[in-house]
Amino acid sequence: MMVVNYVGAFALIVLGIYCMVAKRNLIKVVIGMGLVDYGANLMIVTAGFNPGGTAPIFSISELNMATFFVDPIPQALTLTSIVIGACVTAMSLSLVMKLKEQYGTLNTDEIRRLNG
């Protein structure tokens, strides 16, 4: 089951990179950035998953040598990455809106040509 998560994360990252490199529409480039972010988040969460692990919230009396925890660090990193990704997406979309307002197009080739 873990292999499916890694393959899915790799597919999302590759598809996102393809969208950023091959597409000329700025909205599609922003969507590609989001796909790379989602793939990286899936990869981090999958790496931190332990089958049979429990949440690391126990009192001292419940701990013993057989207790098996899920690592909370990847989950915290993913939560931080989701917030940062939302901010980057919002900033990118506002930049795309300003470029559309300034140049009248979202095609990167035409914007380059109009710039000089």
PDB file of N, CA and C in Angstrom:
ATOM      1  N   MET A   1       0.816  -1.193   0.000  1.00  0.00           N
ATOM      2  CA  MET A   1       0.000   0.000   0.000  1.00  0.00           C
ATOM      3  C   MET A   1       0.861   1.260   0.000  1.00  0.00           C
ATOM      4  N   MET A   2       2.008   1.180   0.649  1.00  0.00           N
ATOM      5  CA  MET A   2       2.886   2.344   0.711  1.00  0.00           C
ATOM      6  C   MET A   2       3.478   2.665  -0.659  1.00  0.00           C
ATOM      7  N   VAL A   3       3.684   1.654  -1.489  1.00  0.00           N
ATOM      8  CA  VAL A   3       4.252   1.871  -2.812  1.00  0.00           C
ATOM      9  C   VAL A   3       3.300   2.710  -3.659  1.00  0.00           C
ATOM     10  N   VAL A   4       2.002   2.498  -3.503  1.00  0.00           N
ATOM     11  CA  VAL A   4       1.007   3.270  -4.251  1.00  0.00           C
ATOM     12  C   VAL A   4       1.113   4.747  -3.890  1.00  0.00           C
ATOM     13  N   ASN A   5       1.324   5.055  -2.625  1.00  0.00           N
ATOM     14  CA  ASN A   5       1.473   6.449  -2.206  1.00  0.00           C
ATOM     15  C   ASN A   5       2.716   7.085  -2.809  1.00  0.00           C
ATOM     16  N   TYR A   6       3.815   6.346  -2.826  1.00  0.00           N
ATOM     17  CA  TYR A   6       5.045   6.884  -3.407  1.00  0.00           C
ATOM     18  C   TYR A   6       4.905   7.087  -4.917  1.00  0.00           C
ATOM     19  N   VAL A   7       4.256   6.143  -5.589  1.00  0.00           N
ATOM     20  CA  VAL A   7       4.035   6.280  -7.028  1.00  0.00           C
ATOM     21  C   VAL A   7       3.116   7.462  -7.314  1.00  0.00           C
ATOM     22  N   GLY A   8       2.069   7.609  -6.504  1.00  0.00           N
ATOM     23  CA  GLY A   8       1.165   8.746  -6.671  1.00  0.00           C
ATOM     24  C   GLY A   8       1.862  10.074  -6.430  1.00  0.00           C
ATOM     25  N   ALA A   9       2.695  10.134  -5.410  1.00  0.00           N
ATOM     26  CA  ALA A   9       3.437  11.364  -5.123  1.00  0.00           C
ATOM     27  C   ALA A   9       4.398  11.685  -6.255  1.00  0.00           C
ATOM     28  N   PHE A  10       5.097  10.672  -6.749  1.00  0.00           N
ATOM     29  CA  PHE A  10       6.023  10.880  -7.864  1.00  0.00           C
ATOM     30  C   PHE A  10       5.271  11.329  -9.115  1.00  0.00           C
ATOM     31  N   ALA A  11       4.102  10.730  -9.371  1.00  0.00           N
ATOM     32  CA  ALA A  11       3.304  11.113 -10.540  1.00  0.00           C
ATOM     33  C   ALA A  11       2.825  12.557 -10.429  1.00  0.00           C
ATOM     34  N   LEU A  12       2.405  12.976  -9.246  1.00  0.00           N
ATOM     35  CA  LEU A  12       1.972  14.361  -9.047  1.00  0.00           C
ATOM     36  C   LEU A  12       3.122  15.336  -9.272  1.00  0.00           C
ATOM     37  N   ILE A  13       4.282  14.998  -8.770  1.00  0.00           N
ATOM     38  CA  ILE A  13       5.445  15.885  -8.931  1.00  0.00           C
ATOM     39  C   ILE A  13       5.847  15.976 -10.401  1.00  0.00           C
ATOM     40  N   VAL A  14       5.880  14.845 -11.097  1.00  0.00           N
ATOM     41  CA  VAL A  14       6.256  14.852 -12.507  1.00  0.00           C
ATOM     42  C   VAL A  14       5.226  15.610 -13.339  1.00  0.00           C
ATOM     43  N   LEU A  15       3.937  15.395 -13.072  1.00  0.00           N
ATOM     44  CA  LEU A  15       2.892  16.102 -13.803  1.00  0.00           C
ATOM     45  C   LEU A  15       2.959  17.608 -13.542  1.00  0.00           C
ATOM     46  N   GLY A  16       3.241  17.980 -12.302  1.00  0.00           N
ATOM     47  CA  GLY A  16       3.378  19.396 -11.973  1.00  0.00           C
ATOM     48  C   GLY A  16       4.556  20.046 -12.664  1.00  0.00           C
ATOM     49  N   ILE A  17       5.682  19.351 -12.694  1.00  0.00           N
ATOM     50  CA  ILE A  17       6.861  19.891 -13.380  1.00  0.00           C
ATOM     51  C   ILE A  17       6.597  20.009 -14.881  1.00  0.00           C
ATOM     52  N   TYR A  18       5.906  19.022 -15.449  1.00  0.00           N
ATOM     53  CA  TYR A  18       5.542  19.101 -16.860  1.00  0.00           C
ATOM     54  C   TYR A  18       4.661  20.324 -17.122  1.00  0.00           C
ATOM     55  N   CYS A  19       3.681  20.557 -16.261  1.00  0.00           N
ATOM     56  CA  CYS A  19       2.801  21.722 -16.435  1.00  0.00           C
ATOM     57  C   CYS A  19       3.584  23.031 -16.339  1.00  0.00           C
ATOM     58  N   MET A  20       4.532  23.096 -15.445  1.00  0.00           N
ATOM     59  CA  MET A  20       5.298  24.335 -15.299  1.00  0.00           C
ATOM     60  C   MET A  20       6.238  24.571 -16.469  1.00  0.00           C
ATOM     61  N   VAL A  21       6.779  23.499 -17.051  1.00  0.00           N
ATOM     62  CA  VAL A  21       7.765  23.650 -18.115  1.00  0.00           C
ATOM     63  C   VAL A  21       7.113  23.756 -19.497  1.00  0.00           C
ATOM     64  N   ALA A  22       6.120  22.934 -19.770  1.00  0.00           N
ATOM     65  CA  ALA A  22       5.602  22.817 -21.132  1.00  0.00           C
ATOM     66  C   ALA A  22       4.450  23.759 -21.440  1.00  0.00           C
ATOM     67  N   LYS A  23       3.705  24.179 -20.458  1.00  0.00           N
ATOM     68  CA  LYS A  23       2.531  24.999 -20.715  1.00  0.00           C
ATOM     69  C   LYS A  23       2.913  26.475 -20.781  1.00  0.00           C
ATOM     70  N   ARG A  24       2.203  27.216 -21.613  1.00  0.00           N
ATOM     71  CA  ARG A  24       2.466  28.640 -21.792  1.00  0.00           C
ATOM     72  C   ARG A  24       1.433  29.525 -21.101  1.00  0.00           C
ATOM     73  N   ASN A  25       0.328  28.944 -20.654  1.00  0.00           N
ATOM     74  CA  ASN A  25      -0.687  29.707 -19.947  1.00  0.00           C
ATOM     75  C   ASN A  25      -0.280  29.830 -18.476  1.00  0.00           C
ATOM     76  N   LEU A  26      -0.311  31.037 -17.947  1.00  0.00           N
ATOM     77  CA  LEU A  26       0.172  31.259 -16.573  1.00  0.00           C
ATOM     78  C   LEU A  26      -0.702  30.575 -15.525  1.00  0.00           C
ATOM     79  N   ILE A  27      -2.006  30.447 -15.783  1.00  0.00           N
ATOM     80  CA  ILE A  27      -2.873  29.744 -14.837  1.00  0.00           C
ATOM     81  C   ILE A  27      -2.458  28.270 -14.750  1.00  0.00           C
ATOM     82  N   LYS A  28      -2.128  27.665 -15.888  1.00  0.00           N
ATOM     83  CA  LYS A  28      -1.681  26.270 -15.888  1.00  0.00           C
ATOM     84  C   LYS A  28      -0.341  26.113 -15.184  1.00  0.00           C
ATOM     85  N   VAL A  29       0.505  27.109 -15.265  1.00  0.00           N
ATOM     86  CA  VAL A  29       1.785  27.079 -14.548  1.00  0.00           C
ATOM     87  C   VAL A  29       1.539  27.111 -13.036  1.00  0.00           C
ATOM     88  N   VAL A  30       0.598  27.934 -12.599  1.00  0.00           N
ATOM     89  CA  VAL A  30       0.264  28.006 -11.166  1.00  0.00           C
ATOM     90  C   VAL A  30      -0.346  26.677 -10.707  1.00  0.00           C
ATOM     91  N   ILE A  31      -1.174  26.061 -11.542  1.00  0.00           N
ATOM     92  CA  ILE A  31      -1.736  24.750 -11.199  1.00  0.00           C
ATOM     93  C   ILE A  31      -0.615  23.707 -11.092  1.00  0.00           C
ATOM     94  N   GLY A  32       0.367  23.775 -11.979  1.00  0.00           N
ATOM     95  CA  GLY A  32       1.516  22.871 -11.902  1.00  0.00           C
ATOM     96  C   GLY A  32       2.303  23.049 -10.611  1.00  0.00           C
ATOM     97  N   MET A  33       2.440  24.302 -10.179  1.00  0.00           N
ATOM     98  CA  MET A  33       3.120  24.547  -8.898  1.00  0.00           C
ATOM     99  C   MET A  33       2.356  23.901  -7.755  1.00  0.00           C
ATOM    100  N   GLY A  34       1.036  23.982  -7.810  1.00  0.00           N
ATOM    101  CA  GLY A  34       0.217  23.342  -6.782  1.00  0.00           C
ATOM    102  C   GLY A  34       0.366  21.833  -6.795  1.00  0.00           C
ATOM    103  N   LEU A  35       0.418  21.238  -7.986  1.00  0.00           N
ATOM    104  CA  LEU A  35       0.582  19.788  -8.083  1.00  0.00           C
ATOM    105  C   LEU A  35       1.912  19.329  -7.492  1.00  0.00           C
ATOM    106  N   VAL A  36       2.972  20.071  -7.729  1.00  0.00           N
ATOM    107  CA  VAL A  36       4.269  19.726  -7.140  1.00  0.00           C
ATOM    108  C   VAL A  36       4.188  19.812  -5.610  1.00  0.00           C
ATOM    109  N   ASP A  37       3.508  20.831  -5.119  1.00  0.00           N
ATOM    110  CA  ASP A  37       3.344  21.001  -3.672  1.00  0.00           C
ATOM    111  C   ASP A  37       2.553  19.830  -3.081  1.00  0.00           C
ATOM    112  N   TYR A  38       1.460  19.434  -3.734  1.00  0.00           N
ATOM    113  CA  TYR A  38       0.653  18.316  -3.232  1.00  0.00           C
ATOM    114  C   TYR A  38       1.430  17.006  -3.278  1.00  0.00           C
ATOM    115  N   GLY A  39       2.218  16.803  -4.327  1.00  0.00           N
ATOM    116  CA  GLY A  39       3.034  15.593  -4.407  1.00  0.00           C
ATOM    117  C   GLY A  39       4.090  15.535  -3.315  1.00  0.00           C
ATOM    118  N   ALA A  40       4.707  16.675  -3.042  1.00  0.00           N
ATOM    119  CA  ALA A  40       5.710  16.711  -1.961  1.00  0.00           C
ATOM    120  C   ALA A  40       5.060  16.458  -0.602  1.00  0.00           C
ATOM    121  N   ASN A  41       3.865  17.013  -0.391  1.00  0.00           N
ATOM    122  CA  ASN A  41       3.161  16.767   0.869  1.00  0.00           C
ATOM    123  C   ASN A  41       2.813  15.293   1.029  1.00  0.00           C
ATOM    124  N   LEU A  42       2.338  14.672  -0.051  1.00  0.00           N
ATOM    125  CA  LEU A  42       2.018  13.250   0.009  1.00  0.00           C
ATOM    126  C   LEU A  42       3.265  12.420   0.297  1.00  0.00           C
ATOM    127  N   MET A  43       4.377  12.806  -0.286  1.00  0.00           N
ATOM    128  CA  MET A  43       5.636  12.088  -0.055  1.00  0.00           C
ATOM    129  C   MET A  43       6.068  12.208   1.415  1.00  0.00           C
ATOM    130  N   ILE A  44       5.955  13.395   1.984  1.00  0.00           N
ATOM    131  CA  ILE A  44       6.369  13.601   3.380  1.00  0.00           C
ATOM    132  C   ILE A  44       5.477  12.814   4.333  1.00  0.00           C
ATOM    133  N   VAL A  45       4.165  12.859   4.103  1.00  0.00           N
ATOM    134  CA  VAL A  45       3.244  12.130   4.986  1.00  0.00           C
ATOM    135  C   VAL A  45       3.463  10.625   4.871  1.00  0.00           C
ATOM    136  N   THR A  46       3.695  10.138   3.662  1.00  0.00           N
ATOM    137  CA  THR A  46       3.931   8.708   3.469  1.00  0.00           C
ATOM    138  C   THR A  46       5.229   8.275   4.134  1.00  0.00           C
ATOM    139  N   ALA A  47       6.247   9.105   4.073  1.00  0.00           N
ATOM    140  CA  ALA A  47       7.517   8.750   4.714  1.00  0.00           C
ATOM    141  C   ALA A  47       7.384   8.687   6.231  1.00  0.00           C
ATOM    142  N   GLY A  48       6.493   9.491   6.807  1.00  0.00           N
ATOM    143  CA  GLY A  48       6.330   9.503   8.255  1.00  0.00           C
ATOM    144  C   GLY A  48       5.335   8.491   8.785  1.00  0.00           C
ATOM    145  N   PHE A  49       4.674   7.747   7.900  1.00  0.00           N
ATOM    146  CA  PHE A  49       3.657   6.784   8.329  1.00  0.00           C
ATOM    147  C   PHE A  49       4.291   5.487   8.808  1.00  0.00           C
ATOM    148  N   ASN A  50       3.803   4.969   9.918  1.00  0.00           N
ATOM    149  CA  ASN A  50       4.246   3.674  10.442  1.00  0.00           C
ATOM    150  C   ASN A  50       3.024   2.778  10.589  1.00  0.00           C
ATOM    151  N   PRO A  51       2.947   1.670   9.872  1.00  0.00           N
ATOM    152  CA  PRO A  51       1.787   0.779  10.013  1.00  0.00           C
ATOM    153  C   PRO A  51       1.685   0.246  11.441  1.00  0.00           C
ATOM    154  N   GLY A  52       0.520   0.330  12.010  1.00  0.00           N
ATOM    155  CA  GLY A  52       0.309  -0.145  13.366  1.00  0.00           C
ATOM    156  C   GLY A  52       0.694   0.855  14.435  1.00  0.00           C
ATOM    157  N   GLY A  53       1.172   2.014  14.049  1.00  0.00           N
ATOM    158  CA  GLY A  53       1.552   3.034  15.019  1.00  0.00           C
ATOM    159  C   GLY A  53       0.341   3.761  15.570  1.00  0.00           C
ATOM    160  N   THR A  54       0.517   4.348  16.734  1.00  0.00           N
ATOM    161  CA  THR A  54      -0.560   5.108  17.361  1.00  0.00           C
ATOM    162  C   THR A  54      -0.128   6.562  17.513  1.00  0.00           C
ATOM    163  N   ALA A  55      -1.075   7.395  17.839  1.00  0.00           N
ATOM    164  CA  ALA A  55      -0.777   8.809  18.048  1.00  0.00           C
ATOM    165  C   ALA A  55       0.161   8.959  19.244  1.00  0.00           C
ATOM    166  N   PRO A  56       1.114   9.868  19.189  1.00  0.00           N
ATOM    167  CA  PRO A  56       2.088  10.011  20.284  1.00  0.00           C
ATOM    168  C   PRO A  56       1.553  10.852  21.441  1.00  0.00           C
ATOM    169  N   ILE A  57       0.341  10.547  21.888  1.00  0.00           N
ATOM    170  CA  ILE A  57      -0.271  11.280  23.002  1.00  0.00           C
ATOM    171  C   ILE A  57      -0.603  10.256  24.088  1.00  0.00           C
ATOM    172  N   PHE A  58       0.284  10.111  25.028  1.00  0.00           N
ATOM    173  CA  PHE A  58       0.098   9.164  26.116  1.00  0.00           C
ATOM    174  C   PHE A  58       0.572   9.786  27.413  1.00  0.00           C
ATOM    175  N   SER A  59       0.054   9.279  28.524  1.00  0.00           N
ATOM    176  CA  SER A  59       0.592   9.684  29.824  1.00  0.00           C
ATOM    177  C   SER A  59       1.740   8.735  30.168  1.00  0.00           C
ATOM    178  N   ILE A  60       2.485   9.098  31.175  1.00  0.00           N
ATOM    179  CA  ILE A  60       3.660   8.302  31.555  1.00  0.00           C
ATOM    180  C   ILE A  60       3.267   6.880  31.959  1.00  0.00           C
ATOM    181  N   SER A  61       2.108   6.703  32.577  1.00  0.00           N
ATOM    182  CA  SER A  61       1.717   5.366  33.033  1.00  0.00           C
ATOM    183  C   SER A  61       1.361   4.439  31.868  1.00  0.00           C
ATOM    184  N   GLU A  62       1.012   4.992  30.706  1.00  0.00           N
ATOM    185  CA  GLU A  62       0.631   4.162  29.564  1.00  0.00           C
ATOM    186  C   GLU A  62       1.823   3.742  28.715  1.00  0.00           C
ATOM    187  N   LEU A  63       2.981   4.329  28.919  1.00  0.00           N
ATOM    188  CA  LEU A  63       4.148   4.012  28.106  1.00  0.00           C
ATOM    189  C   LEU A  63       4.799   2.712  28.557  1.00  0.00           C
ATOM    190  N   ASN A  64       5.207   1.902  27.595  1.00  0.00           N
ATOM    191  CA  ASN A  64       6.002   0.722  27.873  1.00  0.00           C
ATOM    192  C   ASN A  64       6.923   0.496  26.676  1.00  0.00           C
ATOM    193  N   MET A  65       7.705  -0.546  26.712  1.00  0.00           N
ATOM    194  CA  MET A  65       8.679  -0.780  25.655  1.00  0.00           C
ATOM    195  C   MET A  65       8.009  -1.178  24.329  1.00  0.00           C
ATOM    196  N   ALA A  66       6.781  -1.703  24.377  1.00  0.00           N
ATOM    197  CA  ALA A  66       6.109  -2.167  23.165  1.00  0.00           C
ATOM    198  C   ALA A  66       5.310  -1.054  22.471  1.00  0.00           C
ATOM    199  N   THR A  67       5.290   0.129  23.030  1.00  0.00           N
ATOM    200  CA  THR A  67       4.521   1.220  22.441  1.00  0.00           C
ATOM    201  C   THR A  67       5.186   1.677  21.142  1.00  0.00           C
ATOM    202  N   PHE A  68       4.393   1.767  20.093  1.00  0.00           N
ATOM    203  CA  PHE A  68       4.891   2.103  18.762  1.00  0.00           C
ATOM    204  C   PHE A  68       4.171   3.358  18.275  1.00  0.00           C
ATOM    205  N   PHE A  69       4.923   4.455  18.116  1.00  0.00           N
ATOM    206  CA  PHE A  69       4.337   5.737  17.760  1.00  0.00           C
ATOM    207  C   PHE A  69       4.523   6.057  16.278  1.00  0.00           C
ATOM    208  N   VAL A  70       3.626   6.890  15.786  1.00  0.00           N
ATOM    209  CA  VAL A  70       3.801   7.499  14.471  1.00  0.00           C
ATOM    210  C   VAL A  70       4.580   8.789  14.690  1.00  0.00           C
ATOM    211  N   ASP A  71       5.551   9.034  13.826  1.00  0.00           N
ATOM    212  CA  ASP A  71       6.388  10.230  13.964  1.00  0.00           C
ATOM    213  C   ASP A  71       5.566  11.487  13.668  1.00  0.00           C
ATOM    214  N   PRO A  72       5.452  12.422  14.606  1.00  0.00           N
ATOM    215  CA  PRO A  72       4.633  13.618  14.376  1.00  0.00           C
ATOM    216  C   PRO A  72       5.347  14.720  13.580  1.00  0.00           C
ATOM    217  N   ILE A  73       6.652  14.629  13.408  1.00  0.00           N
ATOM    218  CA  ILE A  73       7.401  15.685  12.705  1.00  0.00           C
ATOM    219  C   ILE A  73       6.973  15.818  11.238  1.00  0.00           C
ATOM    220  N   PRO A  74       6.849  14.722  10.460  1.00  0.00           N
ATOM    221  CA  PRO A  74       6.388  14.892   9.078  1.00  0.00           C
ATOM    222  C   PRO A  74       4.983  15.493   8.982  1.00  0.00           C
ATOM    223  N   GLN A  75       4.131  15.173   9.932  1.00  0.00           N
ATOM    224  CA  GLN A  75       2.789  15.739   9.926  1.00  0.00           C
ATOM    225  C   GLN A  75       2.840  17.243  10.178  1.00  0.00           C
ATOM    226  N   ALA A  76       3.683  17.670  11.088  1.00  0.00           N
ATOM    227  CA  ALA A  76       3.824  19.105  11.359  1.00  0.00           C
ATOM    228  C   ALA A  76       4.444  19.825  10.165  1.00  0.00           C
ATOM    229  N   LEU A  77       5.439  19.202   9.525  1.00  0.00           N
ATOM    230  CA  LEU A  77       6.039  19.801   8.333  1.00  0.00           C
ATOM    231  C   LEU A  77       5.032  19.915   7.198  1.00  0.00           C
ATOM    232  N   THR A  78       4.188  18.905   7.029  1.00  0.00           N
ATOM    233  CA  THR A  78       3.176  18.938   5.978  1.00  0.00           C
ATOM    234  C   THR A  78       2.144  20.019   6.256  1.00  0.00           C
ATOM    235  N   LEU A  79       1.735  20.170   7.486  1.00  0.00           N
ATOM    236  CA  LEU A  79       0.787  21.226   7.829  1.00  0.00           C
ATOM    237  C   LEU A  79       1.383  22.598   7.528  1.00  0.00           C
ATOM    238  N   THR A  80       2.634  22.792   7.869  1.00  0.00           N
ATOM    239  CA  THR A  80       3.314  24.049   7.547  1.00  0.00           C
ATOM    240  C   THR A  80       3.420  24.236   6.040  1.00  0.00           C
ATOM    241  N   SER A  81       3.713  23.169   5.318  1.00  0.00           N
ATOM    242  CA  SER A  81       3.830  23.245   3.859  1.00  0.00           C
ATOM    243  C   SER A  81       2.497  23.576   3.207  1.00  0.00           C
ATOM    244  N   ILE A  82       1.394  23.075   3.747  1.00  0.00           N
ATOM    245  CA  ILE A  82       0.080  23.391   3.198  1.00  0.00           C
ATOM    246  C   ILE A  82      -0.213  24.875   3.334  1.00  0.00           C
ATOM    247  N   VAL A  83       0.100  25.448   4.480  1.00  0.00           N
ATOM    248  CA  VAL A  83      -0.129  26.879   4.694  1.00  0.00           C
ATOM    249  C   VAL A  83       0.756  27.710   3.766  1.00  0.00           C
ATOM    250  N   ILE A  84       2.013  27.348   3.663  1.00  0.00           N
ATOM    251  CA  ILE A  84       2.926  28.079   2.779  1.00  0.00           C
ATOM    252  C   ILE A  84       2.490  27.933   1.325  1.00  0.00           C
ATOM    253  N   GLY A  85       2.054  26.738   0.927  1.00  0.00           N
ATOM    254  CA  GLY A  85       1.583  26.517  -0.435  1.00  0.00           C
ATOM    255  C   GLY A  85       0.355  27.344  -0.765  1.00  0.00           C
ATOM    256  N   ALA A  86      -0.566  27.492   0.191  1.00  0.00           N
ATOM    257  CA  ALA A  86      -1.744  28.321  -0.046  1.00  0.00           C
ATOM    258  C   ALA A  86      -1.353  29.781  -0.228  1.00  0.00           C
ATOM    259  N   CYS A  87      -0.398  30.248   0.558  1.00  0.00           N
ATOM    260  CA  CYS A  87       0.066  31.638   0.425  1.00  0.00           C
ATOM    261  C   CYS A  87       0.783  31.861  -0.902  1.00  0.00           C
ATOM    262  N   VAL A  88       1.605  30.909  -1.314  1.00  0.00           N
ATOM    263  CA  VAL A  88       2.313  31.042  -2.588  1.00  0.00           C
ATOM    264  C   VAL A  88       1.323  31.016  -3.748  1.00  0.00           C
ATOM    265  N   THR A  89       0.304  30.167  -3.667  1.00  0.00           N
ATOM    266  CA  THR A  89      -0.709  30.111  -4.723  1.00  0.00           C
ATOM    267  C   THR A  89      -1.485  31.412  -4.806  1.00  0.00           C
ATOM    268  N   ALA A  90      -1.857  31.959  -3.662  1.00  0.00           N
ATOM    269  CA  ALA A  90      -2.584  33.234  -3.659  1.00  0.00           C
ATOM    270  C   ALA A  90      -1.728  34.355  -4.229  1.00  0.00           C
ATOM    271  N   MET A  91      -0.466  34.396  -3.868  1.00  0.00           N
ATOM    272  CA  MET A  91       0.432  35.425  -4.387  1.00  0.00           C
ATOM    273  C   MET A  91       0.656  35.244  -5.888  1.00  0.00           C
ATOM    274  N   SER A  92       0.804  34.011  -6.334  1.00  0.00           N
ATOM    275  CA  SER A  92       0.995  33.747  -7.761  1.00  0.00           C
ATOM    276  C   SER A  92      -0.234  34.146  -8.567  1.00  0.00           C
ATOM    277  N   LEU A  93      -1.408  33.839  -8.058  1.00  0.00           N
ATOM    278  CA  LEU A  93      -2.629  34.197  -8.772  1.00  0.00           C
ATOM    279  C   LEU A  93      -2.843  35.702  -8.804  1.00  0.00           C
ATOM    280  N   SER A  94      -2.455  36.401  -7.753  1.00  0.00           N
ATOM    281  CA  SER A  94      -2.568  37.865  -7.789  1.00  0.00           C
ATOM    282  C   SER A  94      -1.581  38.450  -8.804  1.00  0.00           C
ATOM    283  N   LEU A  95      -0.402  37.858  -8.916  1.00  0.00           N
ATOM    284  CA  LEU A  95       0.561  38.296  -9.922  1.00  0.00           C
ATOM    285  C   LEU A  95       0.040  38.024 -11.334  1.00  0.00           C
ATOM    286  N   VAL A  96      -0.604  36.866 -11.527  1.00  0.00           N
ATOM    287  CA  VAL A  96      -1.194  36.544 -12.825  1.00  0.00           C
ATOM    288  C   VAL A  96      -2.304  37.536 -13.168  1.00  0.00           C
ATOM    289  N   MET A  97      -3.095  37.907 -12.190  1.00  0.00           N
ATOM    290  CA  MET A  97      -4.160  38.893 -12.437  1.00  0.00           C
ATOM    291  C   MET A  97      -3.572  40.237 -12.863  1.00  0.00           C
ATOM    292  N   LYS A  98      -2.496  40.665 -12.225  1.00  0.00           N
ATOM    293  CA  LYS A  98      -1.851  41.925 -12.602  1.00  0.00           C
ATOM    294  C   LYS A  98      -1.230  41.848 -13.991  1.00  0.00           C
ATOM    295  N   LEU A  99      -0.639  40.711 -14.342  1.00  0.00           N
ATOM    296  CA  LEU A  99      -0.083  40.544 -15.677  1.00  0.00           C
ATOM    297  C   LEU A  99      -1.175  40.571 -16.740  1.00  0.00           C
ATOM    298  N   LYS A 100      -2.307  39.953 -16.457  1.00  0.00           N
ATOM    299  CA  LYS A 100      -3.438  39.985 -17.392  1.00  0.00           C
ATOM    300  C   LYS A 100      -3.945  41.416 -17.554  1.00  0.00           C
ATOM    301  N   GLU A 101      -3.990  42.135 -16.460  1.00  0.00           N
ATOM    302  CA  GLU A 101      -4.431  43.533 -16.498  1.00  0.00           C
ATOM    303  C   GLU A 101      -3.445  44.410 -17.278  1.00  0.00           C
ATOM    304  N   GLN A 102      -2.161  44.163 -17.110  1.00  0.00           N
ATOM    305  CA  GLN A 102      -1.126  44.975 -17.750  1.00  0.00           C
ATOM    306  C   GLN A 102      -0.970  44.663 -19.237  1.00  0.00           C
ATOM    307  N   TYR A 103      -0.884  43.356 -19.571  1.00  0.00           N
ATOM    308  CA  TYR A 103      -0.564  42.956 -20.933  1.00  0.00           C
ATOM    309  C   TYR A 103      -1.769  42.469 -21.738  1.00  0.00           C
ATOM    310  N   GLY A 104      -2.864  42.125 -21.074  1.00  0.00           N
ATOM    311  CA  GLY A 104      -4.052  41.662 -21.777  1.00  0.00           C
ATOM    312  C   GLY A 104      -3.996  40.216 -22.227  1.00  0.00           C
ATOM    313  N   THR A 105      -3.013  39.457 -21.784  1.00  0.00           N
ATOM    314  CA  THR A 105      -2.883  38.053 -22.157  1.00  0.00           C
ATOM    315  C   THR A 105      -2.245  37.277 -21.013  1.00  0.00           C
ATOM    316  N   LEU A 106      -2.450  35.951 -21.058  1.00  0.00           N
ATOM    317  CA  LEU A 106      -1.813  35.074 -20.074  1.00  0.00           C
ATOM    318  C   LEU A 106      -0.762  34.179 -20.716  1.00  0.00           C
ATOM    319  N   ASN A 107      -0.525  34.335 -21.991  1.00  0.00           N
ATOM    320  CA  ASN A 107       0.468  33.538 -22.701  1.00  0.00           C
ATOM    321  C   ASN A 107       1.862  34.117 -22.429  1.00  0.00           C
ATOM    322  N   THR A 108       2.759  33.264 -21.951  1.00  0.00           N
ATOM    323  CA  THR A 108       4.094  33.749 -21.574  1.00  0.00           C
ATOM    324  C   THR A 108       4.902  34.197 -22.771  1.00  0.00           C
ATOM    325  N   ASP A 109       4.706  33.566 -23.929  1.00  0.00           N
ATOM    326  CA  ASP A 109       5.440  33.991 -25.129  1.00  0.00           C
ATOM    327  C   ASP A 109       5.036  35.396 -25.557  1.00  0.00           C
ATOM    328  N   GLU A 110       3.756  35.685 -25.499  1.00  0.00           N
ATOM    329  CA  GLU A 110       3.293  37.024 -25.887  1.00  0.00           C
ATOM    330  C   GLU A 110       3.723  38.080 -24.879  1.00  0.00           C
ATOM    331  N   ILE A 111       3.740  37.740 -23.612  1.00  0.00           N
ATOM    332  CA  ILE A 111       4.179  38.704 -22.594  1.00  0.00           C
ATOM    333  C   ILE A 111       5.655  39.020 -22.799  1.00  0.00           C
ATOM    334  N   ARG A 112       6.461  38.011 -23.129  1.00  0.00           N
ATOM    335  CA  ARG A 112       7.886  38.238 -23.401  1.00  0.00           C
ATOM    336  C   ARG A 112       8.076  39.129 -24.624  1.00  0.00           C
ATOM    337  N   ARG A 113       7.272  38.889 -25.641  1.00  0.00           N
ATOM    338  CA  ARG A 113       7.364  39.667 -26.861  1.00  0.00           C
ATOM    339  C   ARG A 113       6.936  41.124 -26.632  1.00  0.00           C
ATOM    340  N   LEU A 114       5.925  41.330 -25.815  1.00  0.00           N
ATOM    341  CA  LEU A 114       5.442  42.684 -25.545  1.00  0.00           C
ATOM    342  C   LEU A 114       6.405  43.459 -24.662  1.00  0.00           C
ATOM    343  N   ASN A 115       7.165  42.754 -23.839  1.00  0.00           N
ATOM    344  CA  ASN A 115       8.085  43.412 -22.915  1.00  0.00           C
ATOM    345  C   ASN A 115       9.267  44.035 -23.658  1.00  0.00           C
ATOM    346  N   GLY A 116       9.680  43.469 -24.752  1.00  0.00           N
ATOM    347  CA  GLY A 116      10.772  44.055 -25.503  1.00  0.00           C
ATOM    348  C   GLY A 116      11.899  43.115 -25.590  1.00  0.00           C
TER     349      GLY A 116
END
